[in-house]
Amino acid sequence: MESAIDRNGLRMPLLFSYGTLQLAEVQLATFGRLLQGKPDALPEFELSRVVCADAEYANVMFNGRSDSIVAGTVFEVTETELNAADDYERDADYERVMVRLASGQLAWVYVHGAAKSQSAPRS
């Protein structure tokens, strides 16, 4: 998926989801529309779980191992939608970081605040 160009001539951000942002009901509530995405993966990361306010959520953690990969979906979103995703994820202490996906594309992904220090920057 090549980043689309918005009406202002700017590249639309890519957002990688391995969890609830892939769900239709979450997309409708967060963005007011269903997102169009493509399967992709996050290499050198592994799935983990975090507990926030008595609820358990999926998370990813960088481990640097070439045999680790997290499957998910990459979506093109507008800057406004990216800000809406920030609001949605912030409630559970997730933060947005830039990663390189298996496809070679750079995308944003959310990691739990406690795991952010373990997420390596991707160039």
PDB file of N, CA and C in Angstrom:
ATOM      1  N   MET A   1       0.856  -1.165   0.000  1.00  0.00           N
ATOM      2  CA  MET A   1       0.000   0.000   0.000  1.00  0.00           C
ATOM      3  C   MET A   1       0.899   1.224   0.000  1.00  0.00           C
ATOM      4  N   GLU A   2       0.882   1.958  -1.066  1.00  0.00           N
ATOM      5  CA  GLU A   2       1.593   3.228  -1.129  1.00  0.00           C
ATOM      6  C   GLU A   2       0.720   4.267  -0.440  1.00  0.00           C
ATOM      7  N   SER A   3       1.332   5.168   0.315  1.00  0.00           N
ATOM      8  CA  SER A   3       0.564   6.221   0.964  1.00  0.00           C
ATOM      9  C   SER A   3      -0.135   7.071  -0.085  1.00  0.00           C
ATOM     10  N   ALA A   4      -1.413   7.285   0.133  1.00  0.00           N
ATOM     11  CA  ALA A   4      -2.185   8.134  -0.769  1.00  0.00           C
ATOM     12  C   ALA A   4      -1.841   9.590  -0.501  1.00  0.00           C
ATOM     13  N   ILE A   5      -2.173  10.419  -1.442  1.00  0.00           N
ATOM     14  CA  ILE A   5      -1.986  11.854  -1.308  1.00  0.00           C
ATOM     15  C   ILE A   5      -3.344  12.466  -0.987  1.00  0.00           C
ATOM     16  N   ASP A   6      -3.394  13.295   0.056  1.00  0.00           N
ATOM     17  CA  ASP A   6      -4.675  13.924   0.384  1.00  0.00           C
ATOM     18  C   ASP A   6      -4.919  15.136  -0.501  1.00  0.00           C
ATOM     19  N   ARG A   7      -6.036  15.795  -0.295  1.00  0.00           N
ATOM     20  CA  ARG A   7      -6.411  16.915  -1.168  1.00  0.00           C
ATOM     21  C   ARG A   7      -5.475  18.110  -1.058  1.00  0.00           C
ATOM     22  N   ASN A   8      -4.635  18.148  -0.015  1.00  0.00           N
ATOM     23  CA  ASN A   8      -3.656  19.221   0.146  1.00  0.00           C
ATOM     24  C   ASN A   8      -2.294  18.843  -0.414  1.00  0.00           C
ATOM     25  N   GLY A   9      -2.204  17.670  -1.044  1.00  0.00           N
ATOM     26  CA  GLY A   9      -0.946  17.229  -1.625  1.00  0.00           C
ATOM     27  C   GLY A   9       0.001  16.597  -0.628  1.00  0.00           C
ATOM     28  N   LEU A  10      -0.485  16.243   0.560  1.00  0.00           N
ATOM     29  CA  LEU A  10       0.347  15.631   1.594  1.00  0.00           C
ATOM     30  C   LEU A  10       0.097  14.135   1.651  1.00  0.00           C
ATOM     31  N   ARG A  11       1.136  13.378   1.972  1.00  0.00           N
ATOM     32  CA  ARG A  11       0.977  11.930   2.135  1.00  0.00           C
ATOM     33  C   ARG A  11       0.118  11.635   3.357  1.00  0.00           C
ATOM     34  N   MET A  12      -0.802  10.691   3.187  1.00  0.00           N
ATOM     35  CA  MET A  12      -1.639  10.283   4.311  1.00  0.00           C
ATOM     36  C   MET A  12      -0.838   9.351   5.213  1.00  0.00           C
ATOM     37  N   PRO A  13      -0.961   9.530   6.526  1.00  0.00           N
ATOM     38  CA  PRO A  13      -0.236   8.652   7.447  1.00  0.00           C
ATOM     39  C   PRO A  13      -0.724   7.208   7.355  1.00  0.00           C
ATOM     40  N   LEU A  14       0.175   6.285   7.640  1.00  0.00           N
ATOM     41  CA  LEU A  14      -0.177   4.870   7.739  1.00  0.00           C
ATOM     42  C   LEU A  14      -0.239   4.499   9.214  1.00  0.00           C
ATOM     43  N   LEU A  15      -1.216   3.699   9.558  1.00  0.00           N
ATOM     44  CA  LEU A  15      -1.431   3.253  10.925  1.00  0.00           C
ATOM     45  C   LEU A  15      -1.517   1.729  10.928  1.00  0.00           C
ATOM     46  N   PHE A  16      -0.654   1.080  11.698  1.00  0.00           N
ATOM     47  CA  PHE A  16      -0.659  -0.374  11.806  1.00  0.00           C
ATOM     48  C   PHE A  16      -1.425  -0.762  13.061  1.00  0.00           C
ATOM     49  N   SER A  17      -2.362  -1.676  12.914  1.00  0.00           N
ATOM     50  CA  SER A  17      -3.130  -2.166  14.054  1.00  0.00           C
ATOM     51  C   SER A  17      -2.981  -3.673  14.189  1.00  0.00           C
ATOM     52  N   TYR A  18      -2.760  -4.101  15.411  1.00  0.00           N
ATOM     53  CA  TYR A  18      -2.692  -5.526  15.753  1.00  0.00           C
ATOM     54  C   TYR A  18      -3.825  -5.886  16.704  1.00  0.00           C
ATOM     55  N   GLY A  19      -4.685  -4.901  17.025  1.00  0.00           N
ATOM     56  CA  GLY A  19      -5.722  -5.121  18.032  1.00  0.00           C
ATOM     57  C   GLY A  19      -7.054  -4.522  17.665  1.00  0.00           C
ATOM     58  N   THR A  20      -7.637  -3.790  18.604  1.00  0.00           N
ATOM     59  CA  THR A  20      -9.030  -3.368  18.495  1.00  0.00           C
ATOM     60  C   THR A  20      -9.310  -2.380  17.372  1.00  0.00           C
ATOM     61  N   LEU A  21      -8.313  -1.646  16.901  1.00  0.00           N
ATOM     62  CA  LEU A  21      -8.572  -0.714  15.796  1.00  0.00           C
ATOM     63  C   LEU A  21      -8.880  -1.433  14.482  1.00  0.00           C
ATOM     64  N   GLN A  22      -8.756  -2.752  14.471  1.00  0.00           N
ATOM     65  CA  GLN A  22      -9.149  -3.542  13.303  1.00  0.00           C
ATOM     66  C   GLN A  22     -10.648  -3.853  13.323  1.00  0.00           C
ATOM     67  N   LEU A  23     -11.302  -3.635  14.456  1.00  0.00           N
ATOM     68  CA  LEU A  23     -12.716  -3.989  14.610  1.00  0.00           C
ATOM     69  C   LEU A  23     -13.619  -2.910  14.026  1.00  0.00           C
ATOM     70  N   ALA A  24     -14.621  -3.348  13.262  1.00  0.00           N
ATOM     71  CA  ALA A  24     -15.544  -2.423  12.604  1.00  0.00           C
ATOM     72  C   ALA A  24     -16.209  -1.485  13.606  1.00  0.00           C
ATOM     73  N   GLU A  25     -16.682  -2.012  14.729  1.00  0.00           N
ATOM     74  CA  GLU A  25     -17.385  -1.162  15.693  1.00  0.00           C
ATOM     75  C   GLU A  25     -16.468  -0.109  16.314  1.00  0.00           C
ATOM     76  N   VAL A  26     -15.206  -0.444  16.498  1.00  0.00           N
ATOM     77  CA  VAL A  26     -14.241   0.525  17.035  1.00  0.00           C
ATOM     78  C   VAL A  26     -13.933   1.591  15.985  1.00  0.00           C
ATOM     79  N   GLN A  27     -13.768   1.183  14.733  1.00  0.00           N
ATOM     80  CA  GLN A  27     -13.514   2.153  13.659  1.00  0.00           C
ATOM     81  C   GLN A  27     -14.680   3.130  13.513  1.00  0.00           C
ATOM     82  N   LEU A  28     -15.896   2.618  13.514  1.00  0.00           N
ATOM     83  CA  LEU A  28     -17.069   3.493  13.375  1.00  0.00           C
ATOM     84  C   LEU A  28     -17.166   4.472  14.543  1.00  0.00           C
ATOM     85  N   ALA A  29     -16.914   3.997  15.756  1.00  0.00           N
ATOM     86  CA  ALA A  29     -16.993   4.866  16.934  1.00  0.00           C
ATOM     87  C   ALA A  29     -15.848   5.881  16.968  1.00  0.00           C
ATOM     88  N   THR A  30     -14.677   5.489  16.492  1.00  0.00           N
ATOM     89  CA  THR A  30     -13.491   6.348  16.579  1.00  0.00           C
ATOM     90  C   THR A  30     -13.359   7.290  15.394  1.00  0.00           C
ATOM     91  N   PHE A  31     -13.623   6.780  14.187  1.00  0.00           N
ATOM     92  CA  PHE A  31     -13.381   7.546  12.960  1.00  0.00           C
ATOM     93  C   PHE A  31     -14.656   7.944  12.217  1.00  0.00           C
ATOM     94  N   GLY A  32     -15.783   7.324  12.579  1.00  0.00           N
ATOM     95  CA  GLY A  32     -17.031   7.610  11.886  1.00  0.00           C
ATOM     96  C   GLY A  32     -17.138   6.945  10.530  1.00  0.00           C
ATOM     97  N   ARG A  33     -16.223   6.013  10.262  1.00  0.00           N
ATOM     98  CA  ARG A  33     -16.248   5.279   8.987  1.00  0.00           C
ATOM     99  C   ARG A  33     -15.460   3.990   9.162  1.00  0.00           C
ATOM    100  N   LEU A  34     -15.640   3.083   8.204  1.00  0.00           N
ATOM    101  CA  LEU A  34     -14.829   1.869   8.169  1.00  0.00           C
ATOM    102  C   LEU A  34     -13.566   2.166   7.373  1.00  0.00           C
ATOM    103  N   LEU A  35     -12.428   1.790   7.910  1.00  0.00           N
ATOM    104  CA  LEU A  35     -11.147   2.008   7.238  1.00  0.00           C
ATOM    105  C   LEU A  35     -10.887   0.883   6.242  1.00  0.00           C
ATOM    106  N   GLN A  36     -10.196   1.222   5.172  1.00  0.00           N
ATOM    107  CA  GLN A  36      -9.750   0.224   4.204  1.00  0.00           C
ATOM    108  C   GLN A  36      -8.293  -0.086   4.516  1.00  0.00           C
ATOM    109  N   GLY A  37      -7.977  -1.348   4.717  1.00  0.00           N
ATOM    110  CA  GLY A  37      -6.617  -1.709   5.072  1.00  0.00           C
ATOM    111  C   GLY A  37      -6.124  -2.918   4.323  1.00  0.00           C
ATOM    112  N   LYS A  38      -4.853  -3.204   4.523  1.00  0.00           N
ATOM    113  CA  LYS A  38      -4.225  -4.376   3.920  1.00  0.00           C
ATOM    114  C   LYS A  38      -3.439  -5.116   4.992  1.00  0.00           C
ATOM    115  N   PRO A  39      -3.374  -6.437   4.884  1.00  0.00           N
ATOM    116  CA  PRO A  39      -2.571  -7.200   5.842  1.00  0.00           C
ATOM    117  C   PRO A  39      -1.102  -6.793   5.755  1.00  0.00           C
ATOM    118  N   ASP A  40      -0.457  -6.726   6.887  1.00  0.00           N
ATOM    119  CA  ASP A  40       0.980  -6.464   6.968  1.00  0.00           C
ATOM    120  C   ASP A  40       1.443  -7.067   8.283  1.00  0.00           C
ATOM    121  N   ALA A  41       2.679  -6.860   8.626  1.00  0.00           N
ATOM    122  CA  ALA A  41       3.209  -7.440   9.857  1.00  0.00           C
ATOM    123  C   ALA A  41       4.313  -6.555  10.409  1.00  0.00           C
ATOM    124  N   LEU A  42       4.554  -6.729  11.695  1.00  0.00           N
ATOM    125  CA  LEU A  42       5.554  -5.964  12.423  1.00  0.00           C
ATOM    126  C   LEU A  42       6.677  -6.906  12.846  1.00  0.00           C
ATOM    127  N   PRO A  43       7.809  -6.868  12.121  1.00  0.00           N
ATOM    128  CA  PRO A  43       8.912  -7.777  12.453  1.00  0.00           C
ATOM    129  C   PRO A  43       9.664  -7.343  13.705  1.00  0.00           C
ATOM    130  N   GLU A  44      10.270  -8.322  14.358  1.00  0.00           N
ATOM    131  CA  GLU A  44      11.110  -8.138  15.549  1.00  0.00           C
ATOM    132  C   GLU A  44      10.325  -7.648  16.761  1.00  0.00           C
ATOM    133  N   PHE A  45       9.006  -7.849  16.729  1.00  0.00           N
ATOM    134  CA  PHE A  45       8.139  -7.540  17.863  1.00  0.00           C
ATOM    135  C   PHE A  45       7.387  -8.805  18.238  1.00  0.00           C
ATOM    136  N   GLU A  46       6.866  -8.829  19.463  1.00  0.00           N
ATOM    137  CA  GLU A  46       6.032  -9.935  19.901  1.00  0.00           C
ATOM    138  C   GLU A  46       4.795  -9.395  20.599  1.00  0.00           C
ATOM    139  N   LEU A  47       3.724 -10.171  20.551  1.00  0.00           N
ATOM    140  CA  LEU A  47       2.499  -9.803  21.252  1.00  0.00           C
ATOM    141  C   LEU A  47       2.686  -9.992  22.745  1.00  0.00           C
ATOM    142  N   SER A  48       2.072  -9.121  23.506  1.00  0.00           N
ATOM    143  CA  SER A  48       2.022  -9.254  24.954  1.00  0.00           C
ATOM    144  C   SER A  48       0.662  -8.748  25.409  1.00  0.00           C
ATOM    145  N   ARG A  49       0.427  -8.766  26.688  1.00  0.00           N
ATOM    146  CA  ARG A  49      -0.841  -8.288  27.250  1.00  0.00           C
ATOM    147  C   ARG A  49      -0.521  -7.296  28.358  1.00  0.00           C
ATOM    148  N   VAL A  50      -1.389  -6.299  28.515  1.00  0.00           N
ATOM    149  CA  VAL A  50      -1.291  -5.357  29.621  1.00  0.00           C
ATOM    150  C   VAL A  50      -2.658  -5.262  30.276  1.00  0.00           C
ATOM    151  N   VAL A  51      -2.649  -4.989  31.572  1.00  0.00           N
ATOM    152  CA  VAL A  51      -3.890  -4.813  32.314  1.00  0.00           C
ATOM    153  C   VAL A  51      -3.993  -3.351  32.708  1.00  0.00           C
ATOM    154  N   CYS A  52      -5.104  -2.730  32.325  1.00  0.00           N
ATOM    155  CA  CYS A  52      -5.382  -1.330  32.653  1.00  0.00           C
ATOM    156  C   CYS A  52      -6.803  -1.235  33.177  1.00  0.00           C
ATOM    157  N   ALA A  53      -6.950  -0.690  34.350  1.00  0.00           N
ATOM    158  CA  ALA A  53      -8.285  -0.478  34.920  1.00  0.00           C
ATOM    159  C   ALA A  53      -9.129  -1.747  34.860  1.00  0.00           C
ATOM    160  N   ASP A  54      -8.548  -2.840  35.292  1.00  0.00           N
ATOM    161  CA  ASP A  54      -9.240  -4.128  35.363  1.00  0.00           C
ATOM    162  C   ASP A  54      -9.641  -4.707  34.009  1.00  0.00           C
ATOM    163  N   ALA A  55      -9.055  -4.209  32.934  1.00  0.00           N
ATOM    164  CA  ALA A  55      -9.283  -4.778  31.600  1.00  0.00           C
ATOM    165  C   ALA A  55      -7.937  -5.202  31.027  1.00  0.00           C
ATOM    166  N   GLU A  56      -7.965  -6.230  30.198  1.00  0.00           N
ATOM    167  CA  GLU A  56      -6.736  -6.726  29.579  1.00  0.00           C
ATOM    168  C   GLU A  56      -6.729  -6.350  28.104  1.00  0.00           C
ATOM    169  N   TYR A  57      -5.572  -5.825  27.639  1.00  0.00           N
ATOM    170  CA  TYR A  57      -5.432  -5.364  26.266  1.00  0.00           C
ATOM    171  C   TYR A  57      -4.221  -5.998  25.599  1.00  0.00           C
ATOM    172  N   ALA A  58      -4.302  -6.105  24.274  1.00  0.00           N
ATOM    173  CA  ALA A  58      -3.142  -6.559  23.501  1.00  0.00           C
ATOM    174  C   ALA A  58      -2.100  -5.451  23.472  1.00  0.00           C
ATOM    175  N   ASN A  59      -0.849  -5.846  23.359  1.00  0.00           N
ATOM    176  CA  ASN A  59       0.260  -4.914  23.253  1.00  0.00           C
ATOM    177  C   ASN A  59       1.342  -5.583  22.425  1.00  0.00           C
ATOM    178  N   VAL A  60       2.262  -4.788  21.907  1.00  0.00           N
ATOM    179  CA  VAL A  60       3.434  -5.336  21.239  1.00  0.00           C
ATOM    180  C   VAL A  60       4.675  -4.805  21.936  1.00  0.00           C
ATOM    181  N   MET A  61       5.708  -5.653  21.947  1.00  0.00           N
ATOM    182  CA  MET A  61       6.988  -5.269  22.535  1.00  0.00           C
ATOM    183  C   MET A  61       8.104  -5.646  21.574  1.00  0.00           C
ATOM    184  N   PHE A  62       9.042  -4.737  21.401  1.00  0.00           N
ATOM    185  CA  PHE A  62      10.210  -5.006  20.572  1.00  0.00           C
ATOM    186  C   PHE A  62      11.088  -6.027  21.277  1.00  0.00           C
ATOM    187  N   ASN A  63      11.533  -7.048  20.526  1.00  0.00           N
ATOM    188  CA  ASN A  63      12.484  -8.011  21.094  1.00  0.00           C
ATOM    189  C   ASN A  63      13.722  -8.171  20.219  1.00  0.00           C
ATOM    190  N   GLY A  64      13.706  -7.606  19.008  1.00  0.00           N
ATOM    191  CA  GLY A  64      14.878  -7.645  18.135  1.00  0.00           C
ATOM    192  C   GLY A  64      15.153  -8.988  17.480  1.00  0.00           C
ATOM    193  N   ARG A  65      14.305  -9.964  17.720  1.00  0.00           N
ATOM    194  CA  ARG A  65      14.535 -11.306  17.168  1.00  0.00           C
ATOM    195  C   ARG A  65      13.971 -11.404  15.760  1.00  0.00           C
ATOM    196  N   SER A  66      14.769 -11.887  14.838  1.00  0.00           N
ATOM    197  CA  SER A  66      14.342 -11.973  13.439  1.00  0.00           C
ATOM    198  C   SER A  66      13.219 -12.989  13.229  1.00  0.00           C
ATOM    199  N   ASP A  67      13.027 -13.894  14.171  1.00  0.00           N
ATOM    200  CA  ASP A  67      11.962 -14.891  14.025  1.00  0.00           C
ATOM    201  C   ASP A  67      10.636 -14.431  14.645  1.00  0.00           C
ATOM    202  N   SER A  68      10.599 -13.217  15.188  1.00  0.00           N
ATOM    203  CA  SER A  68       9.371 -12.692  15.792  1.00  0.00           C
ATOM    204  C   SER A  68       8.651 -11.776  14.811  1.00  0.00           C
ATOM    205  N   ILE A  69       7.345 -11.923  14.763  1.00  0.00           N
ATOM    206  CA  ILE A  69       6.547 -11.083  13.874  1.00  0.00           C
ATOM    207  C   ILE A  69       5.124 -11.012  14.419  1.00  0.00           C
ATOM    208  N   VAL A  70       4.522  -9.836  14.323  1.00  0.00           N
ATOM    209  CA  VAL A  70       3.147  -9.633  14.764  1.00  0.00           C
ATOM    210  C   VAL A  70       2.307  -9.281  13.543  1.00  0.00           C
ATOM    211  N   ALA A  71       1.302 -10.089  13.279  1.00  0.00           N
ATOM    212  CA  ALA A  71       0.405  -9.848  12.147  1.00  0.00           C
ATOM    213  C   ALA A  71      -0.610  -8.773  12.505  1.00  0.00           C
ATOM    214  N   GLY A  72      -1.045  -8.051  11.480  1.00  0.00           N
ATOM    215  CA  GLY A  72      -2.058  -7.024  11.690  1.00  0.00           C
ATOM    216  C   GLY A  72      -2.494  -6.436  10.365  1.00  0.00           C
ATOM    217  N   THR A  73      -2.995  -5.216  10.438  1.00  0.00           N
ATOM    218  CA  THR A  73      -3.506  -4.519   9.262  1.00  0.00           C
ATOM    219  C   THR A  73      -2.947  -3.104   9.237  1.00  0.00           C
ATOM    220  N   VAL A  74      -2.551  -2.647   8.051  1.00  0.00           N
ATOM    221  CA  VAL A  74      -2.096  -1.268   7.891  1.00  0.00           C
ATOM    222  C   VAL A  74      -3.207  -0.478   7.192  1.00  0.00           C
ATOM    223  N   PHE A  75      -3.500   0.696   7.755  1.00  0.00           N
ATOM    224  CA  PHE A  75      -4.565   1.553   7.250  1.00  0.00           C
ATOM    225  C   PHE A  75      -4.003   2.915   6.863  1.00  0.00           C
ATOM    226  N   GLU A  76      -4.562   3.500   5.816  1.00  0.00           N
ATOM    227  CA  GLU A  76      -4.312   4.901   5.510  1.00  0.00           C
ATOM    228  C   GLU A  76      -5.341   5.707   6.277  1.00  0.00           C
ATOM    229  N   VAL A  77      -4.877   6.723   6.982  1.00  0.00           N
ATOM    230  CA  VAL A  77      -5.778   7.569   7.759  1.00  0.00           C
ATOM    231  C   VAL A  77      -5.408   9.030   7.517  1.00  0.00           C
ATOM    232  N   THR A  78      -6.338   9.899   7.826  1.00  0.00           N
ATOM    233  CA  THR A  78      -6.057  11.330   7.754  1.00  0.00           C
ATOM    234  C   THR A  78      -5.389  11.762   9.056  1.00  0.00           C
ATOM    235  N   GLU A  79      -4.834  12.955   9.068  1.00  0.00           N
ATOM    236  CA  GLU A  79      -4.245  13.489  10.312  1.00  0.00           C
ATOM    237  C   GLU A  79      -5.319  13.607  11.397  1.00  0.00           C
ATOM    238  N   THR A  80      -6.524  13.998  11.019  1.00  0.00           N
ATOM    239  CA  THR A  80      -7.625  14.092  11.976  1.00  0.00           C
ATOM    240  C   THR A  80      -7.934  12.721  12.566  1.00  0.00           C
ATOM    241  N   GLU A  81      -7.950  11.685  11.720  1.00  0.00           N
ATOM    242  CA  GLU A  81      -8.209  10.325  12.207  1.00  0.00           C
ATOM    243  C   GLU A  81      -7.069   9.828  13.081  1.00  0.00           C
ATOM    244  N   LEU A  82      -5.842  10.197  12.752  1.00  0.00           N
ATOM    245  CA  LEU A  82      -4.704   9.814  13.585  1.00  0.00           C
ATOM    246  C   LEU A  82      -4.838  10.441  14.970  1.00  0.00           C
ATOM    247  N   ASN A  83      -5.273  11.694  15.025  1.00  0.00           N
ATOM    248  CA  ASN A  83      -5.508  12.345  16.318  1.00  0.00           C
ATOM    249  C   ASN A  83      -6.638  11.663  17.080  1.00  0.00           C
ATOM    250  N   ALA A  84      -7.682  11.213  16.378  1.00  0.00           N
ATOM    251  CA  ALA A  84      -8.778  10.484  17.019  1.00  0.00           C
ATOM    252  C   ALA A  84      -8.279   9.153  17.574  1.00  0.00           C
ATOM    253  N   ALA A  85      -7.388   8.494  16.834  1.00  0.00           N
ATOM    254  CA  ALA A  85      -6.798   7.243  17.325  1.00  0.00           C
ATOM    255  C   ALA A  85      -5.946   7.507  18.564  1.00  0.00           C
ATOM    256  N   ASP A  86      -5.215   8.627  18.569  1.00  0.00           N
ATOM    257  CA  ASP A  86      -4.446   9.003  19.763  1.00  0.00           C
ATOM    258  C   ASP A  86      -5.366   9.114  20.974  1.00  0.00           C
ATOM    259  N   ASP A  87      -6.500   9.794  20.806  1.00  0.00           N
ATOM    260  CA  ASP A  87      -7.453   9.955  21.906  1.00  0.00           C
ATOM    261  C   ASP A  87      -7.987   8.604  22.380  1.00  0.00           C
ATOM    262  N   TYR A  88      -8.320   7.742  21.429  1.00  0.00           N
ATOM    263  CA  TYR A  88      -8.834   6.411  21.757  1.00  0.00           C
ATOM    264  C   TYR A  88      -7.802   5.599  22.539  1.00  0.00           C
ATOM    265  N   GLU A  89      -6.558   5.595  22.077  1.00  0.00           N
ATOM    266  CA  GLU A  89      -5.511   4.781  22.692  1.00  0.00           C
ATOM    267  C   GLU A  89      -4.975   5.388  23.990  1.00  0.00           C
ATOM    268  N   ARG A  90      -5.028   6.690  24.116  1.00  0.00           N
ATOM    269  CA  ARG A  90      -4.494   7.367  25.303  1.00  0.00           C
ATOM    270  C   ARG A  90      -5.231   6.943  26.563  1.00  0.00           C
ATOM    271  N   ASP A  91      -6.514   6.643  26.448  1.00  0.00           N
ATOM    272  CA  ASP A  91      -7.300   6.250  27.619  1.00  0.00           C
ATOM    273  C   ASP A  91      -6.722   5.027  28.319  1.00  0.00           C
ATOM    274  N   ALA A  92      -6.042   4.162  27.588  1.00  0.00           N
ATOM    275  CA  ALA A  92      -5.428   2.964  28.171  1.00  0.00           C
ATOM    276  C   ALA A  92      -3.904   3.091  28.238  1.00  0.00           C
ATOM    277  N   ASP A  93      -3.382   4.329  28.167  1.00  0.00           N
ATOM    278  CA  ASP A  93      -1.958   4.621  28.316  1.00  0.00           C
ATOM    279  C   ASP A  93      -1.098   4.063  27.177  1.00  0.00           C
ATOM    280  N   TYR A  94      -1.660   4.074  25.950  1.00  0.00           N
ATOM    281  CA  TYR A  94      -0.880   3.690  24.776  1.00  0.00           C
ATOM    282  C   TYR A  94      -0.302   4.940  24.135  1.00  0.00           C
ATOM    283  N   GLU A  95       0.876   4.794  23.543  1.00  0.00           N
ATOM    284  CA  GLU A  95       1.534   5.896  22.862  1.00  0.00           C
ATOM    285  C   GLU A  95       1.890   5.466  21.454  1.00  0.00           C
ATOM    286  N   ARG A  96       1.927   6.434  20.551  1.00  0.00           N
ATOM    287  CA  ARG A  96       2.202   6.157  19.145  1.00  0.00           C
ATOM    288  C   ARG A  96       3.695   6.237  18.880  1.00  0.00           C
ATOM    289  N   VAL A  97       4.235   5.200  18.177  1.00  0.00           N
ATOM    290  CA  VAL A  97       5.633   5.187  17.757  1.00  0.00           C
ATOM    291  C   VAL A  97       5.705   4.793  16.278  1.00  0.00           C
ATOM    292  N   MET A  98       6.759   5.249  15.610  1.00  0.00           N
ATOM    293  CA  MET A  98       6.968   4.930  14.192  1.00  0.00           C
ATOM    294  C   MET A  98       7.741   3.619  14.087  1.00  0.00           C
ATOM    295  N   VAL A  99       7.293   2.748  13.173  1.00  0.00           N
ATOM    296  CA  VAL A  99       7.943   1.453  12.955  1.00  0.00           C
ATOM    297  C   VAL A  99       8.054   1.182  11.459  1.00  0.00           C
ATOM    298  N   ARG A 100       8.929   0.265  11.099  1.00  0.00           N
ATOM    299  CA  ARG A 100       9.001  -0.214   9.717  1.00  0.00           C
ATOM    300  C   ARG A 100       8.331  -1.578   9.677  1.00  0.00           C
ATOM    301  N   LEU A 101       7.348  -1.699   8.796  1.00  0.00           N
ATOM    302  CA  LEU A 101       6.594  -2.941   8.665  1.00  0.00           C
ATOM    303  C   LEU A 101       7.322  -3.935   7.769  1.00  0.00           C
ATOM    304  N   ALA A 102       6.846  -5.163   7.754  1.00  0.00           N
ATOM    305  CA  ALA A 102       7.438  -6.206   6.911  1.00  0.00           C
ATOM    306  C   ALA A 102       7.414  -5.809   5.439  1.00  0.00           C
ATOM    307  N   SER A 103       6.427  -5.014   5.036  1.00  0.00           N
ATOM    308  CA  SER A 103       6.314  -4.549   3.651  1.00  0.00           C
ATOM    309  C   SER A 103       7.358  -3.487   3.313  1.00  0.00           C
ATOM    310  N   GLY A 104       8.054  -2.982   4.325  1.00  0.00           N
ATOM    311  CA  GLY A 104       9.041  -1.925   4.130  1.00  0.00           C
ATOM    312  C   GLY A 104       8.496  -0.539   4.383  1.00  0.00           C
ATOM    313  N   GLN A 105       7.190  -0.420   4.550  1.00  0.00           N
ATOM    314  CA  GLN A 105       6.566   0.882   4.780  1.00  0.00           C
ATOM    315  C   GLN A 105       6.758   1.342   6.222  1.00  0.00           C
ATOM    316  N   LEU A 106       6.855   2.646   6.401  1.00  0.00           N
ATOM    317  CA  LEU A 106       6.864   3.231   7.732  1.00  0.00           C
ATOM    318  C   LEU A 106       5.431   3.495   8.149  1.00  0.00           C
ATOM    319  N   ALA A 107       5.105   3.148   9.379  1.00  0.00           N
ATOM    320  CA  ALA A 107       3.738   3.336   9.873  1.00  0.00           C
ATOM    321  C   ALA A 107       3.786   3.634  11.362  1.00  0.00           C
ATOM    322  N   TRP A 108       2.730   4.243  11.837  1.00  0.00           N
ATOM    323  CA  TRP A 108       2.549   4.437  13.262  1.00  0.00           C
ATOM    324  C   TRP A 108       1.938   3.175  13.864  1.00  0.00           C
ATOM    325  N   VAL A 109       2.321   2.882  15.111  1.00  0.00           N
ATOM    326  CA  VAL A 109       1.721   1.788  15.864  1.00  0.00           C
ATOM    327  C   VAL A 109       1.629   2.250  17.314  1.00  0.00           C
ATOM    328  N   TYR A 110       0.677   1.714  18.038  1.00  0.00           N
ATOM    329  CA  TYR A 110       0.514   2.063  19.444  1.00  0.00           C
ATOM    330  C   TYR A 110       1.107   0.978  20.328  1.00  0.00           C
ATOM    331  N   VAL A 111       1.895   1.415  21.299  1.00  0.00           N
ATOM    332  CA  VAL A 111       2.455   0.514  22.304  1.00  0.00           C
ATOM    333  C   VAL A 111       2.080   1.069  23.671  1.00  0.00           C
ATOM    334  N   HIS A 112       1.943   0.189  24.622  1.00  0.00           N
ATOM    335  CA  HIS A 112       1.598   0.631  25.966  1.00  0.00           C
ATOM    336  C   HIS A 112       2.740   1.469  26.521  1.00  0.00           C
ATOM    337  N   GLY A 113       2.405   2.517  27.249  1.00  0.00           N
ATOM    338  CA  GLY A 113       3.400   3.439  27.786  1.00  0.00           C
ATOM    339  C   GLY A 113       4.527   2.759  28.535  1.00  0.00           C
ATOM    340  N   ALA A 114       4.217   1.709  29.278  1.00  0.00           N
ATOM    341  CA  ALA A 114       5.246   0.998  30.034  1.00  0.00           C
ATOM    342  C   ALA A 114       6.193   0.245  29.120  1.00  0.00           C
ATOM    343  N   ALA A 115       5.747  -0.090  27.904  1.00  0.00           N
ATOM    344  CA  ALA A 115       6.579  -0.855  26.968  1.00  0.00           C
ATOM    345  C   ALA A 115       7.298   0.042  25.971  1.00  0.00           C
ATOM    346  N   LYS A 116       6.961   1.329  25.948  1.00  0.00           N
ATOM    347  CA  LYS A 116       7.518   2.225  24.933  1.00  0.00           C
ATOM    348  C   LYS A 116       9.035   2.267  24.998  1.00  0.00           C
ATOM    349  N   SER A 117       9.594   2.254  26.185  1.00  0.00           N
ATOM    350  CA  SER A 117      11.055   2.336  26.306  1.00  0.00           C
ATOM    351  C   SER A 117      11.740   1.114  25.711  1.00  0.00           C
ATOM    352  N   GLN A 118      10.972   0.039  25.515  1.00  0.00           N
ATOM    353  CA  GLN A 118      11.540  -1.175  24.945  1.00  0.00           C
ATOM    354  C   GLN A 118      11.286  -1.266  23.454  1.00  0.00           C
ATOM    355  N   SER A 119      10.628  -0.271  22.871  1.00  0.00           N
ATOM    356  CA  SER A 119      10.352  -0.270  21.430  1.00  0.00           C
ATOM    357  C   SER A 119      11.463   0.454  20.705  1.00  0.00           C
ATOM    358  N   ALA A 120      12.151  -0.256  19.870  1.00  0.00           N
ATOM    359  CA  ALA A 120      13.279   0.331  19.138  1.00  0.00           C
ATOM    360  C   ALA A 120      12.789   1.216  18.020  1.00  0.00           C
ATOM    361  N   PRO A 121      13.454   2.349  17.790  1.00  0.00           N
ATOM    362  CA  PRO A 121      13.109   3.164  16.623  1.00  0.00           C
ATOM    363  C   PRO A 121      13.414   2.400  15.348  1.00  0.00           C
ATOM    364  N   ARG A 122      12.568   2.571  14.354  1.00  0.00           N
ATOM    365  CA  ARG A 122      12.722   1.851  13.090  1.00  0.00           C
ATOM    366  C   ARG A 122      13.109   2.842  12.016  1.00  0.00           C
ATOM    367  N   SER A 123      14.183   2.582  11.310  1.00  0.00           N
ATOM    368  CA  SER A 123      14.596   3.504  10.231  1.00  0.00           C
ATOM    369  C   SER A 123      14.359   2.888   8.883  1.00  0.00           C
TER     370      SER A 123
END
